[in-house]
Amino acid sequence: MAAITVHSPQEAQGEYREMLVRLMTRQFYAETATAEVFGRSIACAPTLREKFLAAEFASEEADHSERLCKLFRELGIDPEEVHRARPSAAQFWSLDLDNWLQIAVFNFTVDRAGSHQIMEYRDSSYLPWAMEMGAVLADEEGHYDNGIENLREFARDKAVFAEFQRVYADMLPVTLKRAFGRPSGIDNDYCVAVGLKRHTTEEIVNNYLAEMLGYMRECGLKFPPLAAFDKIGAELLPSTRAILLSNQ
């Protein structure tokens, strides 16, 4: 099957439309849940700068969510109905929304996972979606820069950094499962074949982990043991396991 180009909602039909809606729904869940995370974190942020950044990030995530609402409406789908099926933000990301350290780990871990997915959607064969993703990706880059600074800040205190490591060990497996989904299978093959994504999930996950690895080694942060991924049913292909094992 050759990759195609779909210019309008009316052209999205059959299996292509079904897969498009599934991918958009996954992104919509992540964007709306993340907007709630940052909105809630304003109260527990320790400094004015962090409070202002949390408010800015919440606003940007809300804008990303609204862009997806527009795309859903163009497809004849009620975004409110899609949103009602989403778990709570705390449950979706397995996160304590009132714990600043957990928010900081989230900022480092989850935002960049979203960016790697959005890089794919920016080049999607569904042009209305692709056209919205450039501005979204620019915002996410700024979020990740702040996440790296948070990592470096927490690394300065050995006791606090030990807690950062513990939270990260719980959060990364959830992130891989929630943000990327299954790394192989016929759905993954179909998305690449029709151009809804340009790379396999295995490639996207590995690029994400490899990018994080440089910042992690700089600060001494370690990947969680493979058992942590197995425990929650996060599927890992051999190439991904090798990256994780390289920094234990």
C-alpha atoms as a PDB file:
ATOM      1  CA  MET A   1       0.000   0.000   0.000  1.00  0.00           C
ATOM      2  CA  ALA A   2       1.412   3.378  -1.009  1.00  0.00           C
ATOM      3  CA  ALA A   3       1.305   6.441   1.218  1.00  0.00           C
ATOM      4  CA  ILE A   4      -1.476   8.818   0.250  1.00  0.00           C
ATOM      5  CA  THR A   5      -2.372  12.460   0.781  1.00  0.00           C
ATOM      6  CA  VAL A   6      -5.756  13.364   2.240  1.00  0.00           C
ATOM      7  CA  HIS A   7      -6.609  17.032   1.751  1.00  0.00           C
ATOM      8  CA  SER A   8      -9.958  17.348   3.537  1.00  0.00           C
ATOM      9  CA  PRO A   9     -12.231  15.668   6.108  1.00  0.00           C
ATOM     10  CA  GLN A  10     -14.504  14.532   3.279  1.00  0.00           C
ATOM     11  CA  GLU A  11     -11.648  12.536   1.741  1.00  0.00           C
ATOM     12  CA  ALA A  12     -10.938  10.652   4.995  1.00  0.00           C
ATOM     13  CA  GLN A  13     -12.954   7.476   4.575  1.00  0.00           C
ATOM     14  CA  GLY A  14     -13.147   3.882   5.786  1.00  0.00           C
ATOM     15  CA  GLU A  15     -10.160   2.337   7.537  1.00  0.00           C
ATOM     16  CA  TYR A  16      -8.099   5.501   7.072  1.00  0.00           C
ATOM     17  CA  ARG A  17     -10.679   7.636   8.882  1.00  0.00           C
ATOM     18  CA  GLU A  18     -11.019   5.084  11.670  1.00  0.00           C
ATOM     19  CA  MET A  19      -7.275   5.028  12.317  1.00  0.00           C
ATOM     20  CA  LEU A  20      -7.014   8.817  12.026  1.00  0.00           C
ATOM     21  CA  VAL A  21      -9.688   9.281  14.697  1.00  0.00           C
ATOM     22  CA  ARG A  22      -7.967   6.766  16.979  1.00  0.00           C
ATOM     23  CA  LEU A  23      -4.639   8.610  16.736  1.00  0.00           C
ATOM     24  CA  MET A  24      -6.256  12.011  17.186  1.00  0.00           C
ATOM     25  CA  THR A  25      -8.178  10.720  20.203  1.00  0.00           C
ATOM     26  CA  ARG A  26      -4.963   9.499  21.837  1.00  0.00           C
ATOM     27  CA  GLN A  27      -3.382  12.909  21.274  1.00  0.00           C
ATOM     28  CA  PHE A  28      -6.509  14.687  22.510  1.00  0.00           C
ATOM     29  CA  TYR A  29      -6.506  12.663  25.716  1.00  0.00           C
ATOM     30  CA  ALA A  30      -2.847  13.532  26.284  1.00  0.00           C
ATOM     31  CA  GLU A  31      -3.239  17.247  25.476  1.00  0.00           C
ATOM     32  CA  THR A  32      -6.320  17.783  27.642  1.00  0.00           C
ATOM     33  CA  ALA A  33      -4.924  15.769  30.541  1.00  0.00           C
ATOM     34  CA  THR A  34      -1.646  17.692  30.347  1.00  0.00           C
ATOM     35  CA  ALA A  35      -3.484  21.024  30.344  1.00  0.00           C
ATOM     36  CA  GLU A  36      -5.133  19.956  33.593  1.00  0.00           C
ATOM     37  CA  VAL A  37      -1.798  18.864  35.068  1.00  0.00           C
ATOM     38  CA  PHE A  38      -0.167  22.232  34.424  1.00  0.00           C
ATOM     39  CA  GLY A  39      -3.255  24.150  35.491  1.00  0.00           C
ATOM     40  CA  ARG A  40      -3.371  22.334  38.815  1.00  0.00           C
ATOM     41  CA  SER A  41       0.390  22.719  39.306  1.00  0.00           C
ATOM     42  CA  ILE A  42       0.136  26.505  39.565  1.00  0.00           C
ATOM     43  CA  ALA A  43      -0.903  26.086  43.194  1.00  0.00           C
ATOM     44  CA  CYS A  44       2.011  23.846  44.205  1.00  0.00           C
ATOM     45  CA  ALA A  45       4.756  25.512  42.135  1.00  0.00           C
ATOM     46  CA  PRO A  46       7.401  26.796  44.598  1.00  0.00           C
ATOM     47  CA  THR A  47       8.304  30.114  42.934  1.00  0.00           C
ATOM     48  CA  LEU A  48       6.559  32.865  41.028  1.00  0.00           C
ATOM     49  CA  ARG A  49       8.568  31.978  37.918  1.00  0.00           C
ATOM     50  CA  GLU A  50       7.367  28.380  38.086  1.00  0.00           C
ATOM     51  CA  LYS A  51       3.783  29.487  38.711  1.00  0.00           C
ATOM     52  CA  PHE A  52       3.873  31.773  35.672  1.00  0.00           C
ATOM     53  CA  LEU A  53       5.411  29.032  33.525  1.00  0.00           C
ATOM     54  CA  ALA A  54       2.772  26.528  34.672  1.00  0.00           C
ATOM     55  CA  ALA A  55       0.034  28.990  33.717  1.00  0.00           C
ATOM     56  CA  GLU A  56       1.674  29.575  30.337  1.00  0.00           C
ATOM     57  CA  PHE A  57       2.033  25.849  29.670  1.00  0.00           C
ATOM     58  CA  ALA A  58      -1.580  25.185  30.706  1.00  0.00           C
ATOM     59  CA  SER A  59      -2.752  27.858  28.263  1.00  0.00           C
ATOM     60  CA  GLU A  60      -0.670  26.379  25.459  1.00  0.00           C
ATOM     61  CA  GLU A  61      -1.922  22.852  26.127  1.00  0.00           C
ATOM     62  CA  ALA A  62      -5.472  24.180  26.089  1.00  0.00           C
ATOM     63  CA  ASP A  63      -4.762  25.764  22.704  1.00  0.00           C
ATOM     64  CA  HIS A  64      -3.449  22.420  21.421  1.00  0.00           C
ATOM     65  CA  SER A  65      -6.620  20.767  22.676  1.00  0.00           C
ATOM     66  CA  GLU A  66      -8.802  23.361  20.955  1.00  0.00           C
ATOM     67  CA  ARG A  67      -6.990  22.741  17.669  1.00  0.00           C
ATOM     68  CA  LEU A  68      -7.941  19.094  17.979  1.00  0.00           C
ATOM     69  CA  CYS A  69     -11.522  20.051  18.844  1.00  0.00           C
ATOM     70  CA  LYS A  70     -11.654  21.944  15.545  1.00  0.00           C
ATOM     71  CA  LEU A  71     -10.335  18.910  13.662  1.00  0.00           C
ATOM     72  CA  PHE A  72     -12.870  16.629  15.348  1.00  0.00           C
ATOM     73  CA  ARG A  73     -15.751  18.964  14.487  1.00  0.00           C
ATOM     74  CA  GLU A  74     -14.630  19.050  10.851  1.00  0.00           C
ATOM     75  CA  LEU A  75     -14.874  15.252  10.877  1.00  0.00           C
ATOM     76  CA  GLY A  76     -18.381  15.441  12.348  1.00  0.00           C
ATOM     77  CA  ILE A  77     -17.280  14.266  15.800  1.00  0.00           C
ATOM     78  CA  ASP A  78     -18.317  15.950  19.059  1.00  0.00           C
ATOM     79  CA  PRO A  79     -15.121  16.641  21.060  1.00  0.00           C
ATOM     80  CA  GLU A  80     -17.119  16.814  24.283  1.00  0.00           C
ATOM     81  CA  GLU A  81     -18.154  13.209  23.758  1.00  0.00           C
ATOM     82  CA  VAL A  82     -14.549  12.202  23.110  1.00  0.00           C
ATOM     83  CA  HIS A  83     -13.432  14.025  26.248  1.00  0.00           C
ATOM     84  CA  ARG A  84     -16.045  12.366  28.445  1.00  0.00           C
ATOM     85  CA  ALA A  85     -14.487   8.966  27.723  1.00  0.00           C
ATOM     86  CA  ARG A  86     -11.046  10.049  28.975  1.00  0.00           C
ATOM     87  CA  PRO A  87      -9.857   8.988  32.448  1.00  0.00           C
ATOM     88  CA  SER A  88      -9.054  11.738  34.951  1.00  0.00           C
ATOM     89  CA  ALA A  89      -5.741  13.500  34.393  1.00  0.00           C
ATOM     90  CA  ALA A  90      -4.297  11.978  37.576  1.00  0.00           C
ATOM     91  CA  GLN A  91      -5.330   8.499  36.474  1.00  0.00           C
ATOM     92  CA  PHE A  92      -4.306   8.968  32.847  1.00  0.00           C
ATOM     93  CA  TRP A  93      -0.729   9.909  33.768  1.00  0.00           C
ATOM     94  CA  SER A  94      -0.600   8.091  37.156  1.00  0.00           C
ATOM     95  CA  LEU A  95       0.348  11.375  38.777  1.00  0.00           C
ATOM     96  CA  ASP A  96      -0.199  13.260  42.035  1.00  0.00           C
ATOM     97  CA  LEU A  97      -1.327  16.647  40.718  1.00  0.00           C
ATOM     98  CA  ASP A  98      -0.435  18.400  43.980  1.00  0.00           C
ATOM     99  CA  ASN A  99       3.167  17.166  44.196  1.00  0.00           C
ATOM    100  CA  TRP A 100       5.658  19.600  42.652  1.00  0.00           C
ATOM    101  CA  LEU A 101       8.416  17.036  42.267  1.00  0.00           C
ATOM    102  CA  GLN A 102       6.070  14.754  40.344  1.00  0.00           C
ATOM    103  CA  ILE A 103       5.096  17.690  38.138  1.00  0.00           C
ATOM    104  CA  ALA A 104       8.789  18.377  37.451  1.00  0.00           C
ATOM    105  CA  VAL A 105       9.393  14.751  36.486  1.00  0.00           C
ATOM    106  CA  PHE A 106       6.287  14.909  34.309  1.00  0.00           C
ATOM    107  CA  ASN A 107       7.608  18.034  32.586  1.00  0.00           C
ATOM    108  CA  PHE A 108      10.877  16.295  31.726  1.00  0.00           C
ATOM    109  CA  THR A 109       9.386  12.931  30.805  1.00  0.00           C
ATOM    110  CA  VAL A 110       5.969  13.365  29.225  1.00  0.00           C
ATOM    111  CA  ASP A 111       6.287  16.610  27.255  1.00  0.00           C
ATOM    112  CA  ARG A 112       9.108  15.271  25.112  1.00  0.00           C
ATOM    113  CA  ALA A 113       7.237  12.044  24.458  1.00  0.00           C
ATOM    114  CA  GLY A 114       4.421  14.180  23.100  1.00  0.00           C
ATOM    115  CA  SER A 115       6.851  16.125  20.939  1.00  0.00           C
ATOM    116  CA  HIS A 116       8.132  12.994  19.248  1.00  0.00           C
ATOM    117  CA  GLN A 117       4.597  11.966  18.374  1.00  0.00           C
ATOM    118  CA  ILE A 118       3.725  15.464  17.147  1.00  0.00           C
ATOM    119  CA  MET A 119       6.782  15.401  14.854  1.00  0.00           C
ATOM    120  CA  GLU A 120       5.069  12.490  13.119  1.00  0.00           C
ATOM    121  CA  TYR A 121       1.681  14.184  12.945  1.00  0.00           C
ATOM    122  CA  ARG A 122       3.244  17.368  11.531  1.00  0.00           C
ATOM    123  CA  ASP A 123       4.201  15.272   8.485  1.00  0.00           C
ATOM    124  CA  SER A 124       0.965  13.259   8.428  1.00  0.00           C
ATOM    125  CA  SER A 125      -0.775  12.407   5.167  1.00  0.00           C
ATOM    126  CA  TYR A 126      -3.922  14.000   6.657  1.00  0.00           C
ATOM    127  CA  LEU A 127      -3.109  17.606   5.777  1.00  0.00           C
ATOM    128  CA  PRO A 128      -5.617  19.395   8.068  1.00  0.00           C
ATOM    129  CA  TRP A 129      -3.955  17.674  11.050  1.00  0.00           C
ATOM    130  CA  ALA A 130      -0.424  18.244   9.790  1.00  0.00           C
ATOM    131  CA  MET A 131      -1.069  21.955   9.299  1.00  0.00           C
ATOM    132  CA  GLU A 132      -2.085  22.421  12.952  1.00  0.00           C
ATOM    133  CA  MET A 133       0.926  20.629  14.414  1.00  0.00           C
ATOM    134  CA  GLY A 134       3.724  23.092  13.599  1.00  0.00           C
ATOM    135  CA  ALA A 135       2.600  25.606  16.226  1.00  0.00           C
ATOM    136  CA  VAL A 136       1.931  22.799  18.712  1.00  0.00           C
ATOM    137  CA  LEU A 137       5.440  21.408  18.313  1.00  0.00           C
ATOM    138  CA  ALA A 138       7.009  24.839  18.848  1.00  0.00           C
ATOM    139  CA  ASP A 139       5.242  25.121  22.219  1.00  0.00           C
ATOM    140  CA  GLU A 140       6.295  21.620  23.256  1.00  0.00           C
ATOM    141  CA  GLU A 141       9.947  22.421  22.572  1.00  0.00           C
ATOM    142  CA  GLY A 142       9.784  25.199  25.156  1.00  0.00           C
ATOM    143  CA  HIS A 143       8.149  22.893  27.685  1.00  0.00           C
ATOM    144  CA  TYR A 144      10.921  20.339  27.312  1.00  0.00           C
ATOM    145  CA  ASP A 145      13.638  22.962  27.744  1.00  0.00           C
ATOM    146  CA  ASN A 146      12.081  23.785  31.112  1.00  0.00           C
ATOM    147  CA  GLY A 147      11.912  20.074  31.947  1.00  0.00           C
ATOM    148  CA  ILE A 148      15.653  19.769  31.382  1.00  0.00           C
ATOM    149  CA  GLU A 149      16.292  22.731  33.650  1.00  0.00           C
ATOM    150  CA  ASN A 150      14.124  21.111  36.313  1.00  0.00           C
ATOM    151  CA  LEU A 151      16.170  17.921  36.048  1.00  0.00           C
ATOM    152  CA  ARG A 152      19.417  19.850  36.483  1.00  0.00           C
ATOM    153  CA  GLU A 153      18.004  21.797  39.425  1.00  0.00           C
ATOM    154  CA  PHE A 154      16.861  18.686  41.293  1.00  0.00           C
ATOM    155  CA  ALA A 155      20.180  16.947  40.576  1.00  0.00           C
ATOM    156  CA  ARG A 156      21.991  19.502  42.766  1.00  0.00           C
ATOM    157  CA  ASP A 157      20.524  17.973  45.950  1.00  0.00           C
ATOM    158  CA  LYS A 158      21.392  14.299  46.395  1.00  0.00           C
ATOM    159  CA  ALA A 159      18.441  13.446  48.652  1.00  0.00           C
ATOM    160  CA  VAL A 160      15.889  15.263  46.488  1.00  0.00           C
ATOM    161  CA  PHE A 161      17.380  13.739  43.338  1.00  0.00           C
ATOM    162  CA  ALA A 162      16.923  10.258  44.795  1.00  0.00           C
ATOM    163  CA  GLU A 163      13.197  11.004  44.999  1.00  0.00           C
ATOM    164  CA  PHE A 164      13.264  12.382  41.437  1.00  0.00           C
ATOM    165  CA  GLN A 165      14.798   9.073  40.352  1.00  0.00           C
ATOM    166  CA  ARG A 166      12.121   7.083  42.180  1.00  0.00           C
ATOM    167  CA  VAL A 167       9.268   9.046  40.605  1.00  0.00           C
ATOM    168  CA  TYR A 168      10.889   8.820  37.174  1.00  0.00           C
ATOM    169  CA  ALA A 169      11.156   5.042  37.533  1.00  0.00           C
ATOM    170  CA  ASP A 170       7.382   4.910  37.951  1.00  0.00           C
ATOM    171  CA  MET A 171       6.542   7.526  35.330  1.00  0.00           C
ATOM    172  CA  LEU A 172       8.600   6.474  32.314  1.00  0.00           C
ATOM    173  CA  PRO A 173       6.885   3.078  31.858  1.00  0.00           C
ATOM    174  CA  VAL A 174       3.475   4.771  32.028  1.00  0.00           C
ATOM    175  CA  THR A 175       4.652   7.373  29.509  1.00  0.00           C
ATOM    176  CA  LEU A 176       5.792   4.774  27.000  1.00  0.00           C
ATOM    177  CA  LYS A 177       2.509   2.925  27.317  1.00  0.00           C
ATOM    178  CA  ARG A 178       0.216   5.969  27.261  1.00  0.00           C
ATOM    179  CA  ALA A 179       2.018   8.229  24.798  1.00  0.00           C
ATOM    180  CA  PHE A 180       3.213   5.691  22.230  1.00  0.00           C
ATOM    181  CA  GLY A 181       1.041   2.588  22.500  1.00  0.00           C
ATOM    182  CA  ARG A 182       2.021  -0.825  21.164  1.00  0.00           C
ATOM    183  CA  PRO A 183       5.359  -0.814  19.311  1.00  0.00           C
ATOM    184  CA  SER A 184       4.369  -3.284  16.594  1.00  0.00           C
ATOM    185  CA  GLY A 185       1.383  -4.899  14.906  1.00  0.00           C
ATOM    186  CA  ILE A 186      -0.881  -4.437  11.921  1.00  0.00           C
ATOM    187  CA  ASP A 187      -2.181  -1.051  13.107  1.00  0.00           C
ATOM    188  CA  ASN A 188       1.346   0.313  13.328  1.00  0.00           C
ATOM    189  CA  ASP A 189       2.162  -1.070   9.879  1.00  0.00           C
ATOM    190  CA  TYR A 190      -0.987   0.486   8.430  1.00  0.00           C
ATOM    191  CA  CYS A 191      -0.232   3.946   9.860  1.00  0.00           C
ATOM    192  CA  VAL A 192       3.205   3.954   8.241  1.00  0.00           C
ATOM    193  CA  ALA A 193       1.890   2.520   4.965  1.00  0.00           C
ATOM    194  CA  VAL A 194      -0.691   5.297   4.479  1.00  0.00           C
ATOM    195  CA  GLY A 195       1.484   8.055   5.911  1.00  0.00           C
ATOM    196  CA  LEU A 196      -0.466   8.804   9.074  1.00  0.00           C
ATOM    197  CA  LYS A 197       2.960   8.361  10.648  1.00  0.00           C
ATOM    198  CA  ARG A 198       6.333   8.399   8.883  1.00  0.00           C
ATOM    199  CA  HIS A 199       8.205   6.147  11.302  1.00  0.00           C
ATOM    200  CA  THR A 200       7.363   3.002  13.207  1.00  0.00           C
ATOM    201  CA  THR A 201       6.492   3.259  16.874  1.00  0.00           C
ATOM    202  CA  GLU A 202       9.699   1.376  17.651  1.00  0.00           C
ATOM    203  CA  GLU A 203      11.730   4.066  15.870  1.00  0.00           C
ATOM    204  CA  ILE A 204       9.846   6.906  17.552  1.00  0.00           C
ATOM    205  CA  VAL A 205      10.264   5.429  21.043  1.00  0.00           C
ATOM    206  CA  ASN A 206      13.953   4.734  20.474  1.00  0.00           C
ATOM    207  CA  ASN A 207      14.594   8.271  19.201  1.00  0.00           C
ATOM    208  CA  TYR A 208      12.831   9.655  22.272  1.00  0.00           C
ATOM    209  CA  LEU A 209      14.859   7.548  24.706  1.00  0.00           C
ATOM    210  CA  ALA A 210      18.137   8.226  22.914  1.00  0.00           C
ATOM    211  CA  GLU A 211      17.535  11.983  23.079  1.00  0.00           C
ATOM    212  CA  MET A 212      16.727  11.852  26.791  1.00  0.00           C
ATOM    213  CA  LEU A 213      19.786   9.731  27.457  1.00  0.00           C
ATOM    214  CA  GLY A 214      22.278  12.564  27.005  1.00  0.00           C
ATOM    215  CA  TYR A 215      20.575  14.745  29.635  1.00  0.00           C
ATOM    216  CA  MET A 216      20.128  11.769  31.944  1.00  0.00           C
ATOM    217  CA  ARG A 217      23.806  10.830  31.859  1.00  0.00           C
ATOM    218  CA  GLU A 218      24.776  14.457  32.468  1.00  0.00           C
ATOM    219  CA  CYS A 219      22.819  14.404  35.747  1.00  0.00           C
ATOM    220  CA  GLY A 220      23.168  10.736  36.724  1.00  0.00           C
ATOM    221  CA  LEU A 221      19.515   9.800  36.131  1.00  0.00           C
ATOM    222  CA  LYS A 222      18.981   6.106  35.331  1.00  0.00           C
ATOM    223  CA  PHE A 223      16.356   4.312  33.297  1.00  0.00           C
ATOM    224  CA  PRO A 224      13.930   2.147  35.308  1.00  0.00           C
ATOM    225  CA  PRO A 225      14.615  -1.597  35.379  1.00  0.00           C
ATOM    226  CA  LEU A 226      12.901  -3.619  32.660  1.00  0.00           C
ATOM    227  CA  ALA A 227      10.695  -5.205  35.321  1.00  0.00           C
ATOM    228  CA  ALA A 228       8.979  -1.825  35.849  1.00  0.00           C
ATOM    229  CA  PHE A 229       7.818  -1.834  32.217  1.00  0.00           C
ATOM    230  CA  ASP A 230       6.771  -5.468  32.340  1.00  0.00           C
ATOM    231  CA  LYS A 231       4.776  -4.831  35.521  1.00  0.00           C
ATOM    232  CA  ILE A 232       2.343  -2.452  33.791  1.00  0.00           C
ATOM    233  CA  GLY A 233       2.294  -4.273  30.460  1.00  0.00           C
ATOM    234  CA  ALA A 234       4.350  -1.724  28.503  1.00  0.00           C
ATOM    235  CA  GLU A 235       5.560  -3.694  25.484  1.00  0.00           C
ATOM    236  CA  LEU A 236       9.228  -3.271  24.606  1.00  0.00           C
ATOM    237  CA  LEU A 237      10.957  -4.532  21.478  1.00  0.00           C
ATOM    238  CA  PRO A 238      14.570  -5.792  21.746  1.00  0.00           C
ATOM    239  CA  SER A 239      16.071  -2.564  20.379  1.00  0.00           C
ATOM    240  CA  THR A 240      14.254  -0.521  23.033  1.00  0.00           C
ATOM    241  CA  ARG A 241      15.284  -2.912  25.791  1.00  0.00           C
ATOM    242  CA  ALA A 242      18.907  -2.468  24.689  1.00  0.00           C
ATOM    243  CA  ILE A 243      18.674   1.341  25.078  1.00  0.00           C
ATOM    244  CA  LEU A 244      17.122   0.994  28.525  1.00  0.00           C
ATOM    245  CA  LEU A 245      19.771  -1.510  29.615  1.00  0.00           C
ATOM    246  CA  SER A 246      22.540   0.865  28.483  1.00  0.00           C
ATOM    247  CA  ASN A 247      21.799   3.203  31.408  1.00  0.00           C
ATOM    248  CA  GLN A 248      20.770   1.134  34.425  1.00  0.00           C
END
